[in-house]
Amino acid sequence: MSWIKQYSEAGYRVARAEEIFGRGSSLSDGCPQLEGAYREASIVEQFGYGSELGDGGLMEVVAPRFSDEPLFHLTLVVTLVAYLYMLVRSRKFISTIYTNVWGNSSEARMVAQGGELPLQRFKQVSTAIGLLMVSLVGVRLADGHLSTDVQLFGYNVAGYAPLISLIFVGVYVAWYYAMHEVAEWLTNDSSMQLLSSVVHMDFVRGVVLLYPLVAVWLLADGGSSQWVSVVLIVFAALVLLLYLKDTFLFFVTKKISILYWILYLCTAILLPLSFLLRLLPSQFA
């Protein structure tokens, strides 16, 4: 070998392989010998009995679920306890808010009764439960849709998903409140406060009616949640119809053009939803 001759001429003595590794040793050319001096170990010898090589395909990434985090279940338990306590303490108010619910004059009567302190507290507790409920629904809908890369979950975002969803819900409520306040200021008419009270009462009715179905849907797995989803959608559609009826009758009784009612719905519902979808990743939107 040229490098041995080169080092020998330089005054170095190159040790032979037999002197270093023993008699019969020789330098390899760098290629392992699978036949002859070397034997390839089998999969069973390396990994144990019953082992075999796989097809080499990549395993599917298991996406973390927001609804498996402790904060999600803690929030659900808190809302469940508060809802049961509300049912025990406020049974008479529940029957009151559903009396003549499809009548034309029920909204004004509900608003008048809503000024009473016991019913006002009932509305406040129901609203708090409803906001938490909507935030949990948003977390459950986000499961399996948002990106599962390291950038999203590397900072424990999944654990705080209910809190993040609640912030979004709070921003929407602030938008809804500001919209009525601005409309009252522009029109110099206090009727916007009446409309806000009517919508608030409809939200309370929806919370009382839908919370048991929502709780079951949040706890159900993928297979059993399908029929719960169907029932929930049916009852949610009834609540939506009640909301549309009440707001429509408000604009009609105030002799306001139906065009403004449509504009009100677009500003109150469609505009915030479209803005939220623009913020979400493309695979979710």
C-alpha atoms as a PDB file:
ATOM      1  CA  MET A   1       0.000   0.000   0.000  1.00  0.00           C
ATOM      2  CA  SER A   2       1.308   3.456  -0.895  1.00  0.00           C
ATOM      3  CA  TRP A   3       0.578   4.960   2.503  1.00  0.00           C
ATOM      4  CA  ILE A   4       2.611   2.228   4.280  1.00  0.00           C
ATOM      5  CA  LYS A   5       5.614   2.918   2.054  1.00  0.00           C
ATOM      6  CA  GLN A   6       5.194   6.660   2.594  1.00  0.00           C
ATOM      7  CA  TYR A   7       5.226   6.371   6.400  1.00  0.00           C
ATOM      8  CA  SER A   8       8.116   3.870   6.346  1.00  0.00           C
ATOM      9  CA  GLU A   9      10.276   6.256   4.334  1.00  0.00           C
ATOM     10  CA  ALA A  10       9.440   8.995   6.831  1.00  0.00           C
ATOM     11  CA  GLY A  11      10.968   6.959   9.676  1.00  0.00           C
ATOM     12  CA  TYR A  12       7.806   5.421  11.121  1.00  0.00           C
ATOM     13  CA  ARG A  13       7.391   1.699  11.646  1.00  0.00           C
ATOM     14  CA  VAL A  14       3.995   0.532  10.553  1.00  0.00           C
ATOM     15  CA  ALA A  15       2.668  -2.249  12.778  1.00  0.00           C
ATOM     16  CA  ARG A  16       1.131  -5.178  11.050  1.00  0.00           C
ATOM     17  CA  ALA A  17      -2.399  -6.305  11.710  1.00  0.00           C
ATOM     18  CA  GLU A  18      -1.132  -9.562  13.337  1.00  0.00           C
ATOM     19  CA  GLU A  19       0.791  -7.516  15.925  1.00  0.00           C
ATOM     20  CA  ILE A  20      -2.274  -5.509  16.915  1.00  0.00           C
ATOM     21  CA  PHE A  21      -5.185  -7.940  16.583  1.00  0.00           C
ATOM     22  CA  GLY A  22      -3.463 -11.307  16.764  1.00  0.00           C
ATOM     23  CA  ARG A  23      -2.213 -14.016  14.427  1.00  0.00           C
ATOM     24  CA  GLY A  24      -4.270 -14.525  11.311  1.00  0.00           C
ATOM     25  CA  SER A  25      -5.679 -10.973  11.385  1.00  0.00           C
ATOM     26  CA  SER A  26      -5.757  -8.853   8.256  1.00  0.00           C
ATOM     27  CA  LEU A  27      -7.028  -5.446   7.301  1.00  0.00           C
ATOM     28  CA  SER A  28     -10.457  -5.361   5.742  1.00  0.00           C
ATOM     29  CA  ASP A  29     -11.260  -3.448   2.603  1.00  0.00           C
ATOM     30  CA  GLY A  30     -14.216  -1.800   4.363  1.00  0.00           C
ATOM     31  CA  CYS A  31     -16.908  -4.125   3.026  1.00  0.00           C
ATOM     32  CA  PRO A  32     -18.469  -6.539   5.557  1.00  0.00           C
ATOM     33  CA  GLN A  33     -18.441 -10.182   4.544  1.00  0.00           C
ATOM     34  CA  LEU A  34     -21.869 -11.733   4.903  1.00  0.00           C
ATOM     35  CA  GLU A  35     -20.686 -15.089   3.714  1.00  0.00           C
ATOM     36  CA  GLY A  36     -17.566 -16.927   4.899  1.00  0.00           C
ATOM     37  CA  ALA A  37     -15.969 -15.368   7.976  1.00  0.00           C
ATOM     38  CA  TYR A  38     -19.108 -13.417   9.007  1.00  0.00           C
ATOM     39  CA  ARG A  39     -22.711 -14.566   9.446  1.00  0.00           C
ATOM     40  CA  GLU A  40     -25.711 -12.267   9.284  1.00  0.00           C
ATOM     41  CA  ALA A  41     -27.820 -12.460  12.447  1.00  0.00           C
ATOM     42  CA  SER A  42     -31.495 -13.232  11.954  1.00  0.00           C
ATOM     43  CA  ILE A  43     -34.360 -11.023  13.148  1.00  0.00           C
ATOM     44  CA  VAL A  44     -35.302 -13.602  15.798  1.00  0.00           C
ATOM     45  CA  GLU A  45     -31.747 -13.594  17.212  1.00  0.00           C
ATOM     46  CA  GLN A  46     -31.708  -9.814  17.451  1.00  0.00           C
ATOM     47  CA  PHE A  47     -35.239  -9.040  18.690  1.00  0.00           C
ATOM     48  CA  GLY A  48     -36.570 -12.310  20.072  1.00  0.00           C
ATOM     49  CA  TYR A  49     -38.952 -15.099  19.099  1.00  0.00           C
ATOM     50  CA  GLY A  50     -41.821 -14.111  16.820  1.00  0.00           C
ATOM     51  CA  SER A  51     -40.123 -10.941  15.546  1.00  0.00           C
ATOM     52  CA  GLU A  52     -40.335 -10.050  11.871  1.00  0.00           C
ATOM     53  CA  LEU A  53     -39.466  -7.111   9.660  1.00  0.00           C
ATOM     54  CA  GLY A  54     -42.195  -4.648   8.823  1.00  0.00           C
ATOM     55  CA  ASP A  55     -42.964  -3.162   5.447  1.00  0.00           C
ATOM     56  CA  GLY A  56     -41.024  -0.015   6.331  1.00  0.00           C
ATOM     57  CA  GLY A  57     -44.030   2.276   5.938  1.00  0.00           C
ATOM     58  CA  LEU A  58     -44.407   5.357   8.108  1.00  0.00           C
ATOM     59  CA  MET A  59     -46.794   5.119  11.026  1.00  0.00           C
ATOM     60  CA  GLU A  60     -49.716   7.517  11.029  1.00  0.00           C
ATOM     61  CA  VAL A  61     -49.231  10.411  13.394  1.00  0.00           C
ATOM     62  CA  VAL A  62     -51.635  10.266  16.331  1.00  0.00           C
ATOM     63  CA  ALA A  63     -53.040  13.764  16.650  1.00  0.00           C
ATOM     64  CA  PRO A  64     -53.431  15.025  20.219  1.00  0.00           C
ATOM     65  CA  ARG A  65     -57.034  15.691  21.181  1.00  0.00           C
ATOM     66  CA  PHE A  66     -57.982  18.931  22.862  1.00  0.00           C
ATOM     67  CA  SER A  67     -60.892  17.212  24.605  1.00  0.00           C
ATOM     68  CA  ASP A  68     -58.527  14.759  26.359  1.00  0.00           C
ATOM     69  CA  GLU A  69     -56.794  17.481  28.343  1.00  0.00           C
ATOM     70  CA  PRO A  70     -57.512  17.894  32.094  1.00  0.00           C
ATOM     71  CA  LEU A  71     -58.712  21.500  31.748  1.00  0.00           C
ATOM     72  CA  PHE A  72     -61.425  20.404  29.314  1.00  0.00           C
ATOM     73  CA  HIS A  73     -62.848  17.817  31.717  1.00  0.00           C
ATOM     74  CA  LEU A  74     -62.509  20.169  34.697  1.00  0.00           C
ATOM     75  CA  THR A  75     -64.479  22.868  32.884  1.00  0.00           C
ATOM     76  CA  LEU A  76     -67.139  20.344  31.897  1.00  0.00           C
ATOM     77  CA  VAL A  77     -67.507  19.151  35.497  1.00  0.00           C
ATOM     78  CA  VAL A  78     -67.814  22.752  36.741  1.00  0.00           C
ATOM     79  CA  THR A  79     -70.552  23.557  34.223  1.00  0.00           C
ATOM     80  CA  LEU A  80     -72.390  20.321  35.002  1.00  0.00           C
ATOM     81  CA  VAL A  81     -72.404  21.011  38.749  1.00  0.00           C
ATOM     82  CA  ALA A  82     -73.520  24.617  38.159  1.00  0.00           C
ATOM     83  CA  TYR A  83     -76.302  23.484  35.805  1.00  0.00           C
ATOM     84  CA  LEU A  84     -77.649  20.905  38.262  1.00  0.00           C
ATOM     85  CA  TYR A  85     -77.512  23.464  41.072  1.00  0.00           C
ATOM     86  CA  MET A  86     -79.393  25.927  38.874  1.00  0.00           C
ATOM     87  CA  LEU A  87     -82.098  23.367  38.151  1.00  0.00           C
ATOM     88  CA  VAL A  88     -82.609  22.691  41.858  1.00  0.00           C
ATOM     89  CA  ARG A  89     -82.605  26.347  42.925  1.00  0.00           C
ATOM     90  CA  SER A  90     -84.478  27.896  39.983  1.00  0.00           C
ATOM     91  CA  ARG A  91     -87.150  25.426  38.892  1.00  0.00           C
ATOM     92  CA  LYS A  92     -89.907  28.054  38.852  1.00  0.00           C
ATOM     93  CA  PHE A  93     -87.878  30.372  36.596  1.00  0.00           C
ATOM     94  CA  ILE A  94     -87.333  27.616  34.053  1.00  0.00           C
ATOM     95  CA  SER A  95     -91.078  27.174  33.647  1.00  0.00           C
ATOM     96  CA  THR A  96     -91.491  30.955  33.481  1.00  0.00           C
ATOM     97  CA  ILE A  97     -89.090  31.551  30.587  1.00  0.00           C
ATOM     98  CA  TYR A  98     -90.816  28.890  28.482  1.00  0.00           C
ATOM     99  CA  THR A  99     -94.381  30.103  29.090  1.00  0.00           C
ATOM    100  CA  ASN A 100     -96.024  31.118  25.804  1.00  0.00           C
ATOM    101  CA  VAL A 101     -92.601  31.056  24.184  1.00  0.00           C
ATOM    102  CA  TRP A 102     -94.020  31.298  20.631  1.00  0.00           C
ATOM    103  CA  GLY A 103     -96.453  34.074  21.471  1.00  0.00           C
ATOM    104  CA  ASN A 104     -96.156  37.578  20.089  1.00  0.00           C
ATOM    105  CA  SER A 105     -96.201  39.308  23.473  1.00  0.00           C
ATOM    106  CA  SER A 106     -93.916  36.972  25.408  1.00  0.00           C
ATOM    107  CA  GLU A 107     -90.756  38.966  24.722  1.00  0.00           C
ATOM    108  CA  ALA A 108     -91.940  42.191  26.371  1.00  0.00           C
ATOM    109  CA  ARG A 109     -93.235  40.252  29.354  1.00  0.00           C
ATOM    110  CA  MET A 110     -89.953  38.347  29.671  1.00  0.00           C
ATOM    111  CA  VAL A 111     -87.964  41.566  29.536  1.00  0.00           C
ATOM    112  CA  ALA A 112     -90.151  43.087  32.254  1.00  0.00           C
ATOM    113  CA  GLN A 113     -89.728  40.028  34.462  1.00  0.00           C
ATOM    114  CA  GLY A 114     -86.023  39.969  33.687  1.00  0.00           C
ATOM    115  CA  GLY A 115     -85.644  43.138  35.699  1.00  0.00           C
ATOM    116  CA  GLU A 116     -86.610  41.292  38.878  1.00  0.00           C
ATOM    117  CA  LEU A 117     -83.561  40.400  40.952  1.00  0.00           C
ATOM    118  CA  PRO A 118     -84.109  36.603  41.333  1.00  0.00           C
ATOM    119  CA  LEU A 119     -84.685  36.078  37.620  1.00  0.00           C
ATOM    120  CA  GLN A 120     -81.830  38.436  36.833  1.00  0.00           C
ATOM    121  CA  ARG A 121     -79.450  36.270  38.869  1.00  0.00           C
ATOM    122  CA  PHE A 122     -80.820  33.197  37.144  1.00  0.00           C
ATOM    123  CA  LYS A 123     -80.061  34.805  33.768  1.00  0.00           C
ATOM    124  CA  GLN A 124     -76.523  35.675  34.865  1.00  0.00           C
ATOM    125  CA  VAL A 125     -75.760  32.123  36.026  1.00  0.00           C
ATOM    126  CA  SER A 126     -77.296  30.656  32.866  1.00  0.00           C
ATOM    127  CA  THR A 127     -75.241  33.028  30.731  1.00  0.00           C
ATOM    128  CA  ALA A 128     -72.003  32.016  32.461  1.00  0.00           C
ATOM    129  CA  ILE A 129     -72.822  28.331  31.968  1.00  0.00           C
ATOM    130  CA  GLY A 130     -73.723  29.001  28.352  1.00  0.00           C
ATOM    131  CA  LEU A 131     -70.456  30.792  27.581  1.00  0.00           C
ATOM    132  CA  LEU A 132     -68.447  27.912  29.033  1.00  0.00           C
ATOM    133  CA  MET A 133     -70.627  25.454  27.126  1.00  0.00           C
ATOM    134  CA  VAL A 134     -70.045  27.233  23.803  1.00  0.00           C
ATOM    135  CA  SER A 135     -66.291  27.328  24.444  1.00  0.00           C
ATOM    136  CA  LEU A 136     -66.237  23.550  25.076  1.00  0.00           C
ATOM    137  CA  VAL A 137     -68.217  22.972  21.883  1.00  0.00           C
ATOM    138  CA  GLY A 138     -65.581  24.956  19.993  1.00  0.00           C
ATOM    139  CA  VAL A 139     -62.822  22.826  21.505  1.00  0.00           C
ATOM    140  CA  ARG A 140     -64.595  19.612  20.538  1.00  0.00           C
ATOM    141  CA  LEU A 141     -65.156  20.836  16.977  1.00  0.00           C
ATOM    142  CA  ALA A 142     -61.466  21.707  16.697  1.00  0.00           C
ATOM    143  CA  ASP A 143     -60.399  18.127  17.509  1.00  0.00           C
ATOM    144  CA  GLY A 144     -58.904  16.416  14.487  1.00  0.00           C
ATOM    145  CA  HIS A 145     -59.068  19.523  12.288  1.00  0.00           C
ATOM    146  CA  LEU A 146     -56.313  21.808  13.445  1.00  0.00           C
ATOM    147  CA  SER A 147     -52.706  21.192  12.452  1.00  0.00           C
ATOM    148  CA  THR A 148     -50.729  18.764  14.646  1.00  0.00           C
ATOM    149  CA  ASP A 149     -47.237  20.082  13.949  1.00  0.00           C
ATOM    150  CA  VAL A 150     -44.674  20.773  16.636  1.00  0.00           C
ATOM    151  CA  GLN A 151     -45.139  24.502  16.401  1.00  0.00           C
ATOM    152  CA  LEU A 152     -48.762  24.210  17.528  1.00  0.00           C
ATOM    153  CA  PHE A 153     -48.377  21.654  20.293  1.00  0.00           C
ATOM    154  CA  GLY A 154     -44.806  22.348  21.384  1.00  0.00           C
ATOM    155  CA  TYR A 155     -45.970  25.047  23.819  1.00  0.00           C
ATOM    156  CA  ASN A 156     -48.768  23.046  25.454  1.00  0.00           C
ATOM    157  CA  VAL A 157     -51.454  24.867  23.504  1.00  0.00           C
ATOM    158  CA  ALA A 158     -53.657  21.777  23.640  1.00  0.00           C
ATOM    159  CA  GLY A 159     -53.863  21.958  27.426  1.00  0.00           C
ATOM    160  CA  TYR A 160     -55.141  25.537  27.335  1.00  0.00           C
ATOM    161  CA  ALA A 161     -57.557  25.033  24.432  1.00  0.00           C
ATOM    162  CA  PRO A 162     -60.726  25.596  26.552  1.00  0.00           C
ATOM    163  CA  LEU A 163     -59.303  28.872  27.867  1.00  0.00           C
ATOM    164  CA  ILE A 164     -58.354  30.033  24.357  1.00  0.00           C
ATOM    165  CA  SER A 165     -61.804  29.103  23.070  1.00  0.00           C
ATOM    166  CA  LEU A 166     -63.416  31.000  25.971  1.00  0.00           C
ATOM    167  CA  ILE A 167     -61.415  34.100  25.017  1.00  0.00           C
ATOM    168  CA  PHE A 168     -62.820  33.887  21.473  1.00  0.00           C
ATOM    169  CA  VAL A 169     -66.346  33.559  22.899  1.00  0.00           C
ATOM    170  CA  GLY A 170     -65.752  36.552  25.168  1.00  0.00           C
ATOM    171  CA  VAL A 171     -64.581  38.647  22.228  1.00  0.00           C
ATOM    172  CA  TYR A 172     -67.751  37.737  20.333  1.00  0.00           C
ATOM    173  CA  VAL A 173     -69.949  38.703  23.297  1.00  0.00           C
ATOM    174  CA  ALA A 174     -68.117  42.023  23.555  1.00  0.00           C
ATOM    175  CA  TRP A 175     -68.700  42.579  19.842  1.00  0.00           C
ATOM    176  CA  TYR A 176     -72.407  41.816  20.225  1.00  0.00           C
ATOM    177  CA  TYR A 177     -72.740  44.192  23.169  1.00  0.00           C
ATOM    178  CA  ALA A 178     -70.800  46.965  21.418  1.00  0.00           C
ATOM    179  CA  MET A 179     -72.960  46.580  18.320  1.00  0.00           C
ATOM    180  CA  HIS A 180     -76.143  47.275  20.299  1.00  0.00           C
ATOM    181  CA  GLU A 181     -74.534  50.174  22.147  1.00  0.00           C
ATOM    182  CA  VAL A 182     -73.321  51.798  18.921  1.00  0.00           C
ATOM    183  CA  ALA A 183     -76.733  51.287  17.293  1.00  0.00           C
ATOM    184  CA  GLU A 184     -78.443  52.925  20.281  1.00  0.00           C
ATOM    185  CA  TRP A 185     -76.035  55.865  20.123  1.00  0.00           C
ATOM    186  CA  LEU A 186     -76.470  56.366  16.379  1.00  0.00           C
ATOM    187  CA  THR A 187     -80.263  56.108  16.428  1.00  0.00           C
ATOM    188  CA  ASN A 188     -80.706  57.843  19.790  1.00  0.00           C
ATOM    189  CA  ASP A 189     -83.316  55.211  20.589  1.00  0.00           C
ATOM    190  CA  SER A 190     -83.422  53.014  23.714  1.00  0.00           C
ATOM    191  CA  SER A 191     -85.169  50.208  21.844  1.00  0.00           C
ATOM    192  CA  MET A 192     -81.780  48.609  21.176  1.00  0.00           C
ATOM    193  CA  GLN A 193     -81.580  47.774  24.870  1.00  0.00           C
ATOM    194  CA  LEU A 194     -84.904  45.978  24.539  1.00  0.00           C
ATOM    195  CA  LEU A 195     -83.550  44.002  21.574  1.00  0.00           C
ATOM    196  CA  SER A 196     -80.453  43.080  23.576  1.00  0.00           C
ATOM    197  CA  SER A 197     -82.645  41.834  26.438  1.00  0.00           C
ATOM    198  CA  VAL A 198     -84.764  39.767  24.052  1.00  0.00           C
ATOM    199  CA  VAL A 199     -81.660  38.133  22.573  1.00  0.00           C
ATOM    200  CA  HIS A 200     -80.265  37.534  26.064  1.00  0.00           C
ATOM    201  CA  MET A 201     -83.467  35.755  27.079  1.00  0.00           C
ATOM    202  CA  ASP A 202     -83.316  33.554  23.981  1.00  0.00           C
ATOM    203  CA  PHE A 203     -79.749  32.604  24.870  1.00  0.00           C
ATOM    204  CA  VAL A 204     -80.844  31.629  28.392  1.00  0.00           C
ATOM    205  CA  ARG A 205     -83.634  29.501  26.945  1.00  0.00           C
ATOM    206  CA  GLY A 206     -81.154  27.787  24.646  1.00  0.00           C
ATOM    207  CA  VAL A 207     -78.748  27.039  27.504  1.00  0.00           C
ATOM    208  CA  VAL A 208     -81.455  25.473  29.662  1.00  0.00           C
ATOM    209  CA  LEU A 209     -82.750  23.373  26.782  1.00  0.00           C
ATOM    210  CA  LEU A 210     -79.511  22.351  25.062  1.00  0.00           C
ATOM    211  CA  TYR A 211     -77.023  21.853  27.891  1.00  0.00           C
ATOM    212  CA  PRO A 212     -77.953  18.186  28.685  1.00  0.00           C
ATOM    213  CA  LEU A 213     -77.599  17.250  25.004  1.00  0.00           C
ATOM    214  CA  VAL A 214     -74.356  19.210  24.675  1.00  0.00           C
ATOM    215  CA  ALA A 215     -72.888  17.512  27.769  1.00  0.00           C
ATOM    216  CA  VAL A 216     -73.707  14.054  26.395  1.00  0.00           C
ATOM    217  CA  TRP A 217     -72.229  15.010  23.016  1.00  0.00           C
ATOM    218  CA  LEU A 218     -69.026  16.276  24.636  1.00  0.00           C
ATOM    219  CA  LEU A 219     -68.572  13.017  26.558  1.00  0.00           C
ATOM    220  CA  ALA A 220     -69.613  10.637  23.754  1.00  0.00           C
ATOM    221  CA  ASP A 221     -67.037   8.892  21.586  1.00  0.00           C
ATOM    222  CA  GLY A 222     -66.929   8.970  17.791  1.00  0.00           C
ATOM    223  CA  GLY A 223     -69.435   6.165  17.238  1.00  0.00           C
ATOM    224  CA  SER A 224     -72.146   7.025  19.740  1.00  0.00           C
ATOM    225  CA  SER A 225     -71.927  10.787  19.201  1.00  0.00           C
ATOM    226  CA  GLN A 226     -73.571  10.600  15.760  1.00  0.00           C
ATOM    227  CA  TRP A 227     -77.132  10.090  16.977  1.00  0.00           C
ATOM    228  CA  VAL A 228     -76.565  12.622  19.757  1.00  0.00           C
ATOM    229  CA  SER A 229     -75.406  15.103  17.105  1.00  0.00           C
ATOM    230  CA  VAL A 230     -78.617  14.606  15.133  1.00  0.00           C
ATOM    231  CA  VAL A 231     -80.830  15.258  18.159  1.00  0.00           C
ATOM    232  CA  LEU A 232     -78.681  18.230  19.163  1.00  0.00           C
ATOM    233  CA  ILE A 233     -78.917  19.774  15.701  1.00  0.00           C
ATOM    234  CA  VAL A 234     -82.717  19.435  15.730  1.00  0.00           C
ATOM    235  CA  PHE A 235     -83.084  21.207  19.085  1.00  0.00           C
ATOM    236  CA  ALA A 236     -80.475  23.814  18.160  1.00  0.00           C
ATOM    237  CA  ALA A 237     -82.508  24.554  15.020  1.00  0.00           C
ATOM    238  CA  LEU A 238     -85.575  25.164  17.207  1.00  0.00           C
ATOM    239  CA  VAL A 239     -83.600  27.621  19.351  1.00  0.00           C
ATOM    240  CA  LEU A 240     -82.361  29.366  16.201  1.00  0.00           C
ATOM    241  CA  LEU A 241     -85.915  29.642  14.882  1.00  0.00           C
ATOM    242  CA  LEU A 242     -86.996  31.159  18.179  1.00  0.00           C
ATOM    243  CA  TYR A 243     -84.173  33.706  17.926  1.00  0.00           C
ATOM    244  CA  LEU A 244     -85.116  34.586  14.353  1.00  0.00           C
ATOM    245  CA  LYS A 245     -88.789  34.890  15.310  1.00  0.00           C
ATOM    246  CA  ASP A 246     -88.110  37.183  18.246  1.00  0.00           C
ATOM    247  CA  THR A 247     -85.759  39.492  16.378  1.00  0.00           C
ATOM    248  CA  PHE A 248     -88.090  39.583  13.362  1.00  0.00           C
ATOM    249  CA  LEU A 249     -91.102  40.510  15.507  1.00  0.00           C
ATOM    250  CA  PHE A 250     -89.035  43.201  17.207  1.00  0.00           C
ATOM    251  CA  PHE A 251     -88.251  44.905  13.911  1.00  0.00           C
ATOM    252  CA  VAL A 252     -91.842  44.496  12.706  1.00  0.00           C
ATOM    253  CA  THR A 253     -93.448  45.916  15.885  1.00  0.00           C
ATOM    254  CA  LYS A 254     -91.015  48.853  15.833  1.00  0.00           C
ATOM    255  CA  LYS A 255     -91.953  49.447  12.179  1.00  0.00           C
ATOM    256  CA  ILE A 256     -88.335  49.035  11.062  1.00  0.00           C
ATOM    257  CA  SER A 257     -87.630  47.842   7.534  1.00  0.00           C
ATOM    258  CA  ILE A 258     -86.977  44.103   7.069  1.00  0.00           C
ATOM    259  CA  LEU A 259     -83.802  45.060   5.233  1.00  0.00           C
ATOM    260  CA  TYR A 260     -82.386  46.316   8.542  1.00  0.00           C
ATOM    261  CA  TRP A 261     -83.304  42.997  10.154  1.00  0.00           C
ATOM    262  CA  ILE A 262     -81.288  41.154   7.514  1.00  0.00           C
ATOM    263  CA  LEU A 263     -78.427  43.607   7.974  1.00  0.00           C
ATOM    264  CA  TYR A 264     -78.631  43.049  11.746  1.00  0.00           C
ATOM    265  CA  LEU A 265     -78.335  39.257  11.344  1.00  0.00           C
ATOM    266  CA  CYS A 266     -75.371  39.617   8.990  1.00  0.00           C
ATOM    267  CA  THR A 267     -73.595  41.950  11.401  1.00  0.00           C
ATOM    268  CA  ALA A 268     -74.406  39.932  14.512  1.00  0.00           C
ATOM    269  CA  ILE A 269     -73.738  36.403  13.184  1.00  0.00           C
ATOM    270  CA  LEU A 270     -72.245  36.131   9.705  1.00  0.00           C
ATOM    271  CA  LEU A 271     -69.573  38.817  10.022  1.00  0.00           C
ATOM    272  CA  PRO A 272     -67.964  37.455  13.242  1.00  0.00           C
ATOM    273  CA  LEU A 273     -68.112  33.869  11.937  1.00  0.00           C
ATOM    274  CA  SER A 274     -66.475  34.801   8.647  1.00  0.00           C
ATOM    275  CA  PHE A 275     -63.741  36.692  10.523  1.00  0.00           C
ATOM    276  CA  LEU A 276     -63.133  33.675  12.782  1.00  0.00           C
ATOM    277  CA  LEU A 277     -62.883  31.301   9.819  1.00  0.00           C
ATOM    278  CA  ARG A 278     -60.323  33.601   8.240  1.00  0.00           C
ATOM    279  CA  LEU A 279     -58.167  33.329  11.371  1.00  0.00           C
ATOM    280  CA  LEU A 280     -58.287  29.538  11.515  1.00  0.00           C
ATOM    281  CA  PRO A 281     -55.927  27.320   9.454  1.00  0.00           C
ATOM    282  CA  SER A 282     -57.109  26.392   5.970  1.00  0.00           C
ATOM    283  CA  GLN A 283     -57.626  22.705   6.799  1.00  0.00           C
ATOM    284  CA  PHE A 284     -60.153  23.689   9.492  1.00  0.00           C
ATOM    285  CA  ALA A 285     -61.904  26.444   7.595  1.00  0.00           C
END
